[in-house]
């Protein structure tokens, strides 16, 4: 499954509106904790067929802020959301983002 890099609110809205389960990952390119969480996220998405998207919180700040606004969940990075249809079914941040935690949340 290819990873989408969301760089605009329009791309974010389109991704959120896609039906079914999908993963949204907020990544800080300057944070070592985020780098570790990103590896865990990539490890999961490399072997599973689930739509996934990435938002870089520094480079794409308006998109990152929009995620907080849409879902009403306090911003943290790294942060991951499991969306089903247009709702957050699960989210985690920092060291809680592991391949195993994602597998459990997604049910795969």
Protein backbone atom coordinates (compact mmCIF):
# COMPACT_ATOMS: atom_id res chain seq x y z
CA UNK A 1 0.00 0.00 0.00
CA UNK A 2 1.43 3.37 -0.91
CA UNK A 3 1.68 6.11 1.68
CA UNK A 4 0.05 9.43 0.80
CA UNK A 5 1.76 12.63 1.92
CA UNK A 6 -1.01 15.12 2.69
CA UNK A 7 0.11 18.68 2.07
CA UNK A 8 -3.18 20.57 1.78
CA UNK A 9 -6.50 20.74 3.58
CA UNK A 10 -8.16 19.53 0.37
CA UNK A 11 -5.99 16.39 0.34
CA UNK A 12 -6.75 15.84 4.04
CA UNK A 13 -10.50 16.22 3.52
CA UNK A 14 -10.45 13.81 0.57
CA UNK A 15 -8.50 11.22 2.59
CA UNK A 16 -10.80 11.52 5.62
CA UNK A 17 -13.87 11.08 3.39
CA UNK A 18 -12.60 7.81 1.89
CA UNK A 19 -14.79 4.94 3.12
CA UNK A 20 -13.50 2.23 5.44
CA UNK A 21 -10.53 2.00 7.79
CA UNK A 22 -7.43 4.12 7.22
CA UNK A 23 -4.41 5.36 9.17
CA UNK A 24 -3.28 8.97 9.54
CA UNK A 25 0.18 9.64 10.99
CA UNK A 26 1.41 13.05 12.21
CA UNK A 27 5.20 13.12 12.01
CA UNK A 28 7.78 15.59 13.29
CA UNK A 29 10.85 15.35 11.08
CA UNK A 30 13.05 16.82 13.84
CA UNK A 31 12.05 14.52 16.72
CA UNK A 32 13.82 11.22 17.51
CA UNK A 33 10.69 9.82 19.20
CA UNK A 34 8.74 10.60 16.03
CA UNK A 35 11.43 8.93 13.92
CA UNK A 36 11.03 5.74 15.96
CA UNK A 37 7.23 5.86 15.76
CA UNK A 38 7.46 6.44 12.00
CA UNK A 39 9.55 3.26 11.65
CA UNK A 40 6.88 1.33 13.57
CA UNK A 41 4.15 2.85 11.36
CA UNK A 42 6.10 1.99 8.18
CA UNK A 43 6.71 -1.54 9.41
CA UNK A 44 2.96 -2.01 9.82
CA UNK A 45 1.92 -0.37 6.54
CA UNK A 46 4.55 -2.25 4.51
CA UNK A 47 2.84 -5.55 5.24
CA UNK A 48 -0.84 -4.54 5.37
CA UNK A 49 -3.30 -3.40 2.78
CA UNK A 50 -4.82 -0.39 4.51
CA UNK A 51 -4.90 3.17 3.19
CA UNK A 52 -2.39 5.32 5.05
CA UNK A 53 -1.36 8.96 5.01
CA UNK A 54 1.37 11.10 6.52
CA UNK A 55 1.31 14.74 7.61
CA UNK A 56 4.61 16.42 8.45
CA UNK A 57 3.72 18.69 11.36
CA UNK A 58 6.42 21.30 10.79
CA UNK A 59 6.39 21.46 6.99
CA UNK A 60 2.60 21.15 6.69
CA UNK A 61 1.50 23.03 9.82
CA UNK A 62 -1.93 24.16 8.46
CA UNK A 63 -2.85 20.55 7.66
CA UNK A 64 -1.66 19.39 11.09
CA UNK A 65 -3.71 22.11 12.77
CA UNK A 66 -6.76 21.14 10.71
CA UNK A 67 -6.55 17.56 12.03
CA UNK A 68 -6.78 18.91 15.59
CA UNK A 69 -9.72 21.09 14.58
CA UNK A 70 -11.63 18.36 12.72
CA UNK A 71 -11.30 15.64 15.35
CA UNK A 72 -11.03 17.72 18.53
CA UNK A 73 -8.07 15.69 19.78
CA UNK A 74 -5.16 17.61 21.33
CA UNK A 75 -2.15 17.87 19.01
CA UNK A 76 0.82 15.70 19.82
CA UNK A 77 3.58 14.42 17.62
CA UNK A 78 4.17 11.79 16.75
CA UNK A 79 0.50 10.91 16.68
CA UNK A 80 -1.51 8.27 14.85
CA UNK A 81 -5.21 8.00 14.15
CA UNK A 82 -7.23 5.02 13.01
CA UNK A 83 -10.14 6.46 11.08
CA UNK A 84 -13.18 4.48 10.10
CA UNK A 85 -15.18 6.36 7.55
CA UNK A 86 -14.79 9.92 8.90
CA UNK A 87 -14.47 9.17 12.64
CA UNK A 88 -11.48 8.51 14.90
CA UNK A 89 -11.78 4.98 16.26
CA UNK A 90 -8.38 4.96 18.02
CA UNK A 91 -5.39 7.24 18.45
CA UNK A 92 -2.01 7.06 20.13
CA UNK A 93 1.08 9.19 20.52
CA UNK A 94 4.77 9.02 21.30
CA UNK A 95 6.08 5.65 22.54
CA UNK A 96 2.57 4.14 22.36
CA UNK A 97 2.90 4.01 18.57
CA UNK A 98 4.15 0.50 17.89
CA UNK A 99 3.52 -1.99 15.13
CA UNK A 100 1.79 -4.28 17.64
CA UNK A 101 -0.47 -1.47 18.94
CA UNK A 102 -1.45 -0.54 15.39
CA UNK A 103 -2.17 -4.19 14.51
CA UNK A 104 -4.37 -4.54 17.59
CA UNK A 105 -6.26 -1.30 16.84
CA UNK A 106 -6.79 -2.15 13.17
CA UNK A 107 -7.68 -5.75 13.95
CA UNK A 108 -5.10 -7.29 11.60
